[in-house]
Amino acid sequence: MESHNSGEQRFLLPVRRDQDGTLVVPADYVTGLLRGIAATWQDWAADGVPGLDPVTATGLGAVLEHLADQLDVQCIAQADSQN
């Protein structure tokens, strides 16, 4: 498959260490990354990028969007339980 570069963007994540030394990234950045990848794949499918199966790319994009939605729901539930 040929490479497709539609205005490459850098996505910087604010990675921190918690008290136990575990690396953590804010959930809103993770969901933004998932949705950004999904949108890129879906755009590529709509643009007819050579060598890319549009049905597969669109389906994978939908899966990433669903994962982002699930993460949002889990974070909301966690925040609500702490209040």
PDB file of N, CA and C in Angstrom:
ATOM      1  N   MET A   1       0.840  -1.175   0.000  1.00  0.00           N
ATOM      2  CA  MET A   1       0.000   0.000   0.000  1.00  0.00           C
ATOM      3  C   MET A   1       0.884   1.236   0.000  1.00  0.00           C
ATOM      4  N   GLU A   2       0.525   2.199  -0.814  1.00  0.00           N
ATOM      5  CA  GLU A   2       1.278   3.443  -0.861  1.00  0.00           C
ATOM      6  C   GLU A   2       1.006   4.248   0.407  1.00  0.00           C
ATOM      7  N   SER A   3       1.986   5.045   0.785  1.00  0.00           N
ATOM      8  CA  SER A   3       1.758   5.877   1.963  1.00  0.00           C
ATOM      9  C   SER A   3       0.853   7.030   1.571  1.00  0.00           C
ATOM     10  N   HIS A   4       0.039   7.439   2.494  1.00  0.00           N
ATOM     11  CA  HIS A   4      -0.904   8.536   2.253  1.00  0.00           C
ATOM     12  C   HIS A   4      -0.689   9.562   3.354  1.00  0.00           C
ATOM     13  N   ASN A   5      -0.278  10.738   2.982  1.00  0.00           N
ATOM     14  CA  ASN A   5      -0.009  11.787   3.965  1.00  0.00           C
ATOM     15  C   ASN A   5      -0.906  12.970   3.666  1.00  0.00           C
ATOM     16  N   SER A   6      -1.925  13.141   4.487  1.00  0.00           N
ATOM     17  CA  SER A   6      -2.858  14.243   4.266  1.00  0.00           C
ATOM     18  C   SER A   6      -2.610  15.331   5.307  1.00  0.00           C
ATOM     19  N   GLY A   7      -1.409  15.907   5.295  1.00  0.00           N
ATOM     20  CA  GLY A   7      -1.100  16.956   6.257  1.00  0.00           C
ATOM     21  C   GLY A   7      -0.775  16.372   7.617  1.00  0.00           C
ATOM     22  N   GLU A   8       0.325  15.675   7.692  1.00  0.00           N
ATOM     23  CA  GLU A   8       0.721  15.002   8.929  1.00  0.00           C
ATOM     24  C   GLU A   8       0.691  15.969  10.107  1.00  0.00           C
ATOM     25  N   GLN A   9       0.071  15.513  11.192  1.00  0.00           N
ATOM     26  CA  GLN A   9      -0.010  16.310  12.411  1.00  0.00           C
ATOM     27  C   GLN A   9       0.639  15.530  13.541  1.00  0.00           C
ATOM     28  N   ARG A  10       1.281  16.250  14.429  1.00  0.00           N
ATOM     29  CA  ARG A  10       1.871  15.617  15.605  1.00  0.00           C
ATOM     30  C   ARG A  10       0.874  15.723  16.744  1.00  0.00           C
ATOM     31  N   PHE A  11       0.775  14.660  17.506  1.00  0.00           N
ATOM     32  CA  PHE A  11      -0.156  14.609  18.625  1.00  0.00           C
ATOM     33  C   PHE A  11       0.664  14.349  19.880  1.00  0.00           C
ATOM     34  N   LEU A  12       0.812  15.360  20.695  1.00  0.00           N
ATOM     35  CA  LEU A  12       1.612  15.232  21.907  1.00  0.00           C
ATOM     36  C   LEU A  12       0.712  14.900  23.084  1.00  0.00           C
ATOM     37  N   LEU A  13       1.064  13.851  23.790  1.00  0.00           N
ATOM     38  CA  LEU A  13       0.311  13.430  24.964  1.00  0.00           C
ATOM     39  C   LEU A  13       1.025  13.884  26.230  1.00  0.00           C
ATOM     40  N   PRO A  14       0.280  14.445  27.171  1.00  0.00           N
ATOM     41  CA  PRO A  14       0.892  14.817  28.448  1.00  0.00           C
ATOM     42  C   PRO A  14       1.036  13.585  29.344  1.00  0.00           C
ATOM     43  N   VAL A  15       2.166  12.940  29.267  1.00  0.00           N
ATOM     44  CA  VAL A  15       2.412  11.728  30.048  1.00  0.00           C
ATOM     45  C   VAL A  15       3.037  12.116  31.386  1.00  0.00           C
ATOM     46  N   ARG A  16       2.494  11.534  32.442  1.00  0.00           N
ATOM     47  CA  ARG A  16       3.013  11.795  33.792  1.00  0.00           C
ATOM     48  C   ARG A  16       3.201  10.470  34.509  1.00  0.00           C
ATOM     49  N   ARG A  17       3.929  10.521  35.608  1.00  0.00           N
ATOM     50  CA  ARG A  17       4.076   9.347  36.484  1.00  0.00           C
ATOM     51  C   ARG A  17       3.267   9.588  37.745  1.00  0.00           C
ATOM     52  N   ASP A  18       2.552   8.555  38.174  1.00  0.00           N
ATOM     53  CA  ASP A  18       1.855   8.680  39.446  1.00  0.00           C
ATOM     54  C   ASP A  18       2.808   8.315  40.586  1.00  0.00           C
ATOM     55  N   GLN A  19       2.292   8.263  41.790  1.00  0.00           N
ATOM     56  CA  GLN A  19       3.139   8.015  42.961  1.00  0.00           C
ATOM     57  C   GLN A  19       3.786   6.634  42.937  1.00  0.00           C
ATOM     58  N   ASP A  20       3.182   5.693  42.221  1.00  0.00           N
ATOM     59  CA  ASP A  20       3.728   4.340  42.121  1.00  0.00           C
ATOM     60  C   ASP A  20       4.692   4.178  40.952  1.00  0.00           C
ATOM     61  N   GLY A  21       4.887   5.254  40.185  1.00  0.00           N
ATOM     62  CA  GLY A  21       5.771   5.193  39.027  1.00  0.00           C
ATOM     63  C   GLY A  21       5.087   4.769  37.736  1.00  0.00           C
ATOM     64  N   THR A  22       3.777   4.557  37.803  1.00  0.00           N
ATOM     65  CA  THR A  22       3.024   4.167  36.613  1.00  0.00           C
ATOM     66  C   THR A  22       2.823   5.383  35.714  1.00  0.00           C
ATOM     67  N   LEU A  23       3.035   5.196  34.420  1.00  0.00           N
ATOM     68  CA  LEU A  23       2.797   6.284  33.470  1.00  0.00           C
ATOM     69  C   LEU A  23       1.300   6.429  33.239  1.00  0.00           C
ATOM     70  N   VAL A  24       0.819   7.665  33.252  1.00  0.00           N
ATOM     71  CA  VAL A  24      -0.604   7.932  33.035  1.00  0.00           C
ATOM     72  C   VAL A  24      -0.772   9.042  32.001  1.00  0.00           C
ATOM     73  N   VAL A  25      -1.856   8.937  31.246  1.00  0.00           N
ATOM     74  CA  VAL A  25      -2.223   9.928  30.240  1.00  0.00           C
ATOM     75  C   VAL A  25      -3.685  10.286  30.500  1.00  0.00           C
ATOM     76  N   PRO A  26      -4.040  11.564  30.491  1.00  0.00           N
ATOM     77  CA  PRO A  26      -5.439  11.932  30.703  1.00  0.00           C
ATOM     78  C   PRO A  26      -6.362  11.263  29.678  1.00  0.00           C
ATOM     79  N   ALA A  27      -7.493  10.784  30.148  1.00  0.00           N
ATOM     80  CA  ALA A  27      -8.427  10.046  29.300  1.00  0.00           C
ATOM     81  C   ALA A  27      -8.914  10.868  28.116  1.00  0.00           C
ATOM     82  N   ASP A  28      -9.106  12.172  28.300  1.00  0.00           N
ATOM     83  CA  ASP A  28      -9.605  12.968  27.182  1.00  0.00           C
ATOM     84  C   ASP A  28      -8.593  13.032  26.037  1.00  0.00           C
ATOM     85  N   TYR A  29      -7.324  12.914  26.345  1.00  0.00           N
ATOM     86  CA  TYR A  29      -6.314  12.858  25.282  1.00  0.00           C
ATOM     87  C   TYR A  29      -6.355  11.504  24.578  1.00  0.00           C
ATOM     88  N   VAL A  30      -6.568  10.450  25.338  1.00  0.00           N
ATOM     89  CA  VAL A  30      -6.645   9.112  24.742  1.00  0.00           C
ATOM     90  C   VAL A  30      -7.861   9.024  23.827  1.00  0.00           C
ATOM     91  N   THR A  31      -9.022   9.499  24.304  1.00  0.00           N
ATOM     92  CA  THR A  31     -10.217   9.441  23.465  1.00  0.00           C
ATOM     93  C   THR A  31     -10.069  10.342  22.242  1.00  0.00           C
ATOM     94  N   GLY A  32      -9.404  11.471  22.400  1.00  0.00           N
ATOM     95  CA  GLY A  32      -9.149  12.340  21.250  1.00  0.00           C
ATOM     96  C   GLY A  32      -8.253  11.670  20.224  1.00  0.00           C
ATOM     97  N   LEU A  33      -7.251  10.957  20.694  1.00  0.00           N
ATOM     98  CA  LEU A  33      -6.359  10.221  19.802  1.00  0.00           C
ATOM     99  C   LEU A  33      -7.118   9.124  19.059  1.00  0.00           C
ATOM    100  N   LEU A  34      -7.925   8.362  19.784  1.00  0.00           N
ATOM    101  CA  LEU A  34      -8.715   7.301  19.151  1.00  0.00           C
ATOM    102  C   LEU A  34      -9.647   7.875  18.085  1.00  0.00           C
ATOM    103  N   ARG A  35     -10.330   8.958  18.428  1.00  0.00           N
ATOM    104  CA  ARG A  35     -11.261   9.566  17.467  1.00  0.00           C
ATOM    105  C   ARG A  35     -10.514  10.180  16.277  1.00  0.00           C
ATOM    106  N   GLY A  36      -9.335  10.715  16.528  1.00  0.00           N
ATOM    107  CA  GLY A  36      -8.538  11.281  15.441  1.00  0.00           C
ATOM    108  C   GLY A  36      -8.073  10.216  14.454  1.00  0.00           C
ATOM    109  N   ILE A  37      -7.635   9.079  14.979  1.00  0.00           N
ATOM    110  CA  ILE A  37      -7.227   7.971  14.110  1.00  0.00           C
ATOM    111  C   ILE A  37      -8.431   7.465  13.324  1.00  0.00           C
ATOM    112  N   ALA A  38      -9.570   7.319  14.014  1.00  0.00           N
ATOM    113  CA  ALA A  38     -10.783   6.847  13.338  1.00  0.00           C
ATOM    114  C   ALA A  38     -11.165   7.791  12.200  1.00  0.00           C
ATOM    115  N   ALA A  39     -11.136   9.080  12.446  1.00  0.00           N
ATOM    116  CA  ALA A  39     -11.508  10.056  11.412  1.00  0.00           C
ATOM    117  C   ALA A  39     -10.548   9.988  10.228  1.00  0.00           C
ATOM    118  N   THR A  40      -9.255   9.822  10.510  1.00  0.00           N
ATOM    119  CA  THR A  40      -8.271   9.719   9.426  1.00  0.00           C
ATOM    120  C   THR A  40      -8.553   8.502   8.560  1.00  0.00           C
ATOM    121  N   TRP A  41      -8.769   7.345   9.181  1.00  0.00           N
ATOM    122  CA  TRP A  41      -9.054   6.132   8.421  1.00  0.00           C
ATOM    123  C   TRP A  41     -10.318   6.295   7.594  1.00  0.00           C
ATOM    124  N   GLN A  42     -11.354   6.888   8.197  1.00  0.00           N
ATOM    125  CA  GLN A  42     -12.613   7.057   7.483  1.00  0.00           C
ATOM    126  C   GLN A  42     -12.456   8.051   6.329  1.00  0.00           C
ATOM    127  N   ASP A  43     -11.658   9.090   6.522  1.00  0.00           N
ATOM    128  CA  ASP A  43     -11.367  10.029   5.432  1.00  0.00           C
ATOM    129  C   ASP A  43     -10.630   9.324   4.299  1.00  0.00           C
ATOM    130  N   TRP A  44      -9.648   8.502   4.649  1.00  0.00           N
ATOM    131  CA  TRP A  44      -8.894   7.766   3.631  1.00  0.00           C
ATOM    132  C   TRP A  44      -9.834   6.847   2.846  1.00  0.00           C
ATOM    133  N   ALA A  45     -10.758   6.184   3.559  1.00  0.00           N
ATOM    134  CA  ALA A  45     -11.710   5.301   2.890  1.00  0.00           C
ATOM    135  C   ALA A  45     -12.591   6.100   1.938  1.00  0.00           C
ATOM    136  N   ALA A  46     -13.060   7.262   2.374  1.00  0.00           N
ATOM    137  CA  ALA A  46     -13.911   8.103   1.529  1.00  0.00           C
ATOM    138  C   ALA A  46     -13.145   8.658   0.332  1.00  0.00           C
ATOM    139  N   ASP A  47     -11.849   8.914   0.519  1.00  0.00           N
ATOM    140  CA  ASP A  47     -11.013   9.456  -0.560  1.00  0.00           C
ATOM    141  C   ASP A  47     -10.571   8.394  -1.557  1.00  0.00           C
ATOM    142  N   GLY A  48     -10.796   7.122  -1.223  1.00  0.00           N
ATOM    143  CA  GLY A  48     -10.405   6.044  -2.128  1.00  0.00           C
ATOM    144  C   GLY A  48      -8.900   5.854  -2.224  1.00  0.00           C
ATOM    145  N   VAL A  49      -8.214   5.919  -1.095  1.00  0.00           N
ATOM    146  CA  VAL A  49      -6.767   5.726  -1.077  1.00  0.00           C
ATOM    147  C   VAL A  49      -6.432   4.360  -1.683  1.00  0.00           C
ATOM    148  N   PRO A  50      -5.532   4.317  -2.676  1.00  0.00           N
ATOM    149  CA  PRO A  50      -5.180   3.051  -3.330  1.00  0.00           C
ATOM    150  C   PRO A  50      -4.633   2.030  -2.326  1.00  0.00           C
ATOM    151  N   GLY A  51      -5.099   0.793  -2.462  1.00  0.00           N
ATOM    152  CA  GLY A  51      -4.609  -0.286  -1.611  1.00  0.00           C
ATOM    153  C   GLY A  51      -5.316  -0.393  -0.273  1.00  0.00           C
ATOM    154  N   LEU A  52      -6.228   0.520  -0.001  1.00  0.00           N
ATOM    155  CA  LEU A  52      -6.950   0.510   1.274  1.00  0.00           C
ATOM    156  C   LEU A  52      -8.374   0.020   1.023  1.00  0.00           C
ATOM    157  N   ASP A  53      -8.778  -0.995   1.750  1.00  0.00           N
ATOM    158  CA  ASP A  53     -10.148  -1.481   1.623  1.00  0.00           C
ATOM    159  C   ASP A  53     -11.068  -0.537   2.397  1.00  0.00           C
ATOM    160  N   PRO A  54     -11.945   0.182   1.716  1.00  0.00           N
ATOM    161  CA  PRO A  54     -12.766   1.185   2.392  1.00  0.00           C
ATOM    162  C   PRO A  54     -13.724   0.601   3.430  1.00  0.00           C
ATOM    163  N   VAL A  55     -14.226  -0.584   3.187  1.00  0.00           N
ATOM    164  CA  VAL A  55     -15.139  -1.198   4.159  1.00  0.00           C
ATOM    165  C   VAL A  55     -14.398  -1.517   5.455  1.00  0.00           C
ATOM    166  N   THR A  56     -13.199  -2.079   5.319  1.00  0.00           N
ATOM    167  CA  THR A  56     -12.392  -2.416   6.495  1.00  0.00           C
ATOM    168  C   THR A  56     -11.984  -1.154   7.250  1.00  0.00           C
ATOM    169  N   ALA A  57     -11.489  -0.137   6.534  1.00  0.00           N
ATOM    170  CA  ALA A  57     -11.050   1.104   7.179  1.00  0.00           C
ATOM    171  C   ALA A  57     -12.209   1.784   7.899  1.00  0.00           C
ATOM    172  N   THR A  58     -13.370   1.819   7.253  1.00  0.00           N
ATOM    173  CA  THR A  58     -14.543   2.433   7.885  1.00  0.00           C
ATOM    174  C   THR A  58     -14.957   1.645   9.122  1.00  0.00           C
ATOM    175  N   GLY A  59     -14.929   0.312   9.016  1.00  0.00           N
ATOM    176  CA  GLY A  59     -15.283  -0.533  10.161  1.00  0.00           C
ATOM    177  C   GLY A  59     -14.324  -0.378  11.326  1.00  0.00           C
ATOM    178  N   LEU A  60     -13.032  -0.331  11.026  1.00  0.00           N
ATOM    179  CA  LEU A  60     -12.041  -0.134  12.093  1.00  0.00           C
ATOM    180  C   LEU A  60     -12.205   1.241  12.732  1.00  0.00           C
ATOM    181  N   GLY A  61     -12.499   2.237  11.923  1.00  0.00           N
ATOM    182  CA  GLY A  61     -12.753   3.577  12.468  1.00  0.00           C
ATOM    183  C   GLY A  61     -13.933   3.572  13.426  1.00  0.00           C
ATOM    184  N   ALA A  62     -14.991   2.847  13.057  1.00  0.00           N
ATOM    185  CA  ALA A  62     -16.163   2.755  13.919  1.00  0.00           C
ATOM    186  C   ALA A  62     -15.823   2.058  15.243  1.00  0.00           C
ATOM    187  N   VAL A  63     -14.977   1.040  15.181  1.00  0.00           N
ATOM    188  CA  VAL A  63     -14.554   0.339  16.408  1.00  0.00           C
ATOM    189  C   VAL A  63     -13.788   1.293  17.325  1.00  0.00           C
ATOM    190  N   LEU A  64     -12.880   2.091  16.763  1.00  0.00           N
ATOM    191  CA  LEU A  64     -12.123   3.047  17.585  1.00  0.00           C
ATOM    192  C   LEU A  64     -13.042   4.093  18.199  1.00  0.00           C
ATOM    193  N   GLU A  65     -14.020   4.562  17.434  1.00  0.00           N
ATOM    194  CA  GLU A  65     -14.980   5.526  17.989  1.00  0.00           C
ATOM    195  C   GLU A  65     -15.759   4.902  19.144  1.00  0.00           C
ATOM    196  N   HIS A  66     -16.152   3.640  18.986  1.00  0.00           N
ATOM    197  CA  HIS A  66     -16.878   2.939  20.042  1.00  0.00           C
ATOM    198  C   HIS A  66     -16.008   2.790  21.298  1.00  0.00           C
ATOM    199  N   LEU A  67     -14.740   2.458  21.112  1.00  0.00           N
ATOM    200  CA  LEU A  67     -13.822   2.363  22.263  1.00  0.00           C
ATOM    201  C   LEU A  67     -13.707   3.708  22.983  1.00  0.00           C
ATOM    202  N   ALA A  68     -13.608   4.780  22.211  1.00  0.00           N
ATOM    203  CA  ALA A  68     -13.526   6.117  22.814  1.00  0.00           C
ATOM    204  C   ALA A  68     -14.800   6.418  23.606  1.00  0.00           C
ATOM    205  N   ASP A  69     -15.952   6.059  23.042  1.00  0.00           N
ATOM    206  CA  ASP A  69     -17.221   6.279  23.741  1.00  0.00           C
ATOM    207  C   ASP A  69     -17.274   5.479  25.036  1.00  0.00           C
ATOM    208  N   GLN A  70     -16.818   4.222  24.990  1.00  0.00           N
ATOM    209  CA  GLN A  70     -16.810   3.388  26.194  1.00  0.00           C
ATOM    210  C   GLN A  70     -15.903   3.986  27.266  1.00  0.00           C
ATOM    211  N   LEU A  71     -14.751   4.475  26.863  1.00  0.00           N
ATOM    212  CA  LEU A  71     -13.832   5.089  27.816  1.00  0.00           C
ATOM    213  C   LEU A  71     -14.459   6.330  28.439  1.00  0.00           C
ATOM    214  N   ASP A  72     -15.145   7.139  27.634  1.00  0.00           N
ATOM    215  CA  ASP A  72     -15.842   8.307  28.164  1.00  0.00           C
ATOM    216  C   ASP A  72     -16.868   7.899  29.216  1.00  0.00           C
ATOM    217  N   VAL A  73     -17.645   6.866  28.924  1.00  0.00           N
ATOM    218  CA  VAL A  73     -18.677   6.400  29.857  1.00  0.00           C
ATOM    219  C   VAL A  73     -18.040   5.915  31.163  1.00  0.00           C
ATOM    220  N   GLN A  74     -16.949   5.157  31.052  1.00  0.00           N
ATOM    221  CA  GLN A  74     -16.267   4.659  32.251  1.00  0.00           C
ATOM    222  C   GLN A  74     -15.720   5.807  33.092  1.00  0.00           C
ATOM    223  N   CYS A  75     -15.173   6.815  32.431  1.00  0.00           N
ATOM    224  CA  CYS A  75     -14.620   7.957  33.174  1.00  0.00           C
ATOM    225  C   CYS A  75     -15.709   8.756  33.851  1.00  0.00           C
ATOM    226  N   ILE A  76     -16.847   8.929  33.168  1.00  0.00           N
ATOM    227  CA  ILE A  76     -17.970   9.644  33.780  1.00  0.00           C
ATOM    228  C   ILE A  76     -18.464   8.880  34.993  1.00  0.00           C
ATOM    229  N   ALA A  77     -18.590   7.567  34.872  1.00  0.00           N
ATOM    230  CA  ALA A  77     -19.044   6.750  36.004  1.00  0.00           C
ATOM    231  C   ALA A  77     -18.066   6.846  37.165  1.00  0.00           C
ATOM    232  N   GLN A  78     -16.790   6.819  36.873  1.00  0.00           N
ATOM    233  CA  GLN A  78     -15.766   6.927  37.924  1.00  0.00           C
ATOM    234  C   GLN A  78     -15.840   8.289  38.605  1.00  0.00           C
ATOM    235  N   ALA A  79     -15.981   9.343  37.823  1.00  0.00           N
ATOM    236  CA  ALA A  79     -16.072  10.698  38.393  1.00  0.00           C
ATOM    237  C   ALA A  79     -17.319  10.841  39.249  1.00  0.00           C
ATOM    238  N   ASP A  80     -18.434  10.279  38.778  1.00  0.00           N
ATOM    239  CA  ASP A  80     -19.695  10.357  39.542  1.00  0.00           C
ATOM    240  C   ASP A  80     -19.601   9.600  40.856  1.00  0.00           C
ATOM    241  N   SER A  81     -18.886   8.473  40.861  1.00  0.00           N
ATOM    242  CA  SER A  81     -18.783   7.665  42.085  1.00  0.00           C
ATOM    243  C   SER A  81     -17.882   8.334  43.120  1.00  0.00           C
ATOM    244  N   GLN A  82     -17.033   9.255  42.676  1.00  0.00           N
ATOM    245  CA  GLN A  82     -16.144   9.953  43.614  1.00  0.00           C
ATOM    246  C   GLN A  82     -16.796  11.193  44.212  1.00  0.00           C
ATOM    247  N   ASN A  83     -17.946  11.584  43.688  1.00  0.00           N
ATOM    248  CA  ASN A  83     -18.649  12.769  44.216  1.00  0.00           C
ATOM    249  C   ASN A  83     -19.707  12.405  45.190  1.00  0.00           C
TER     250      ASN A  83
END
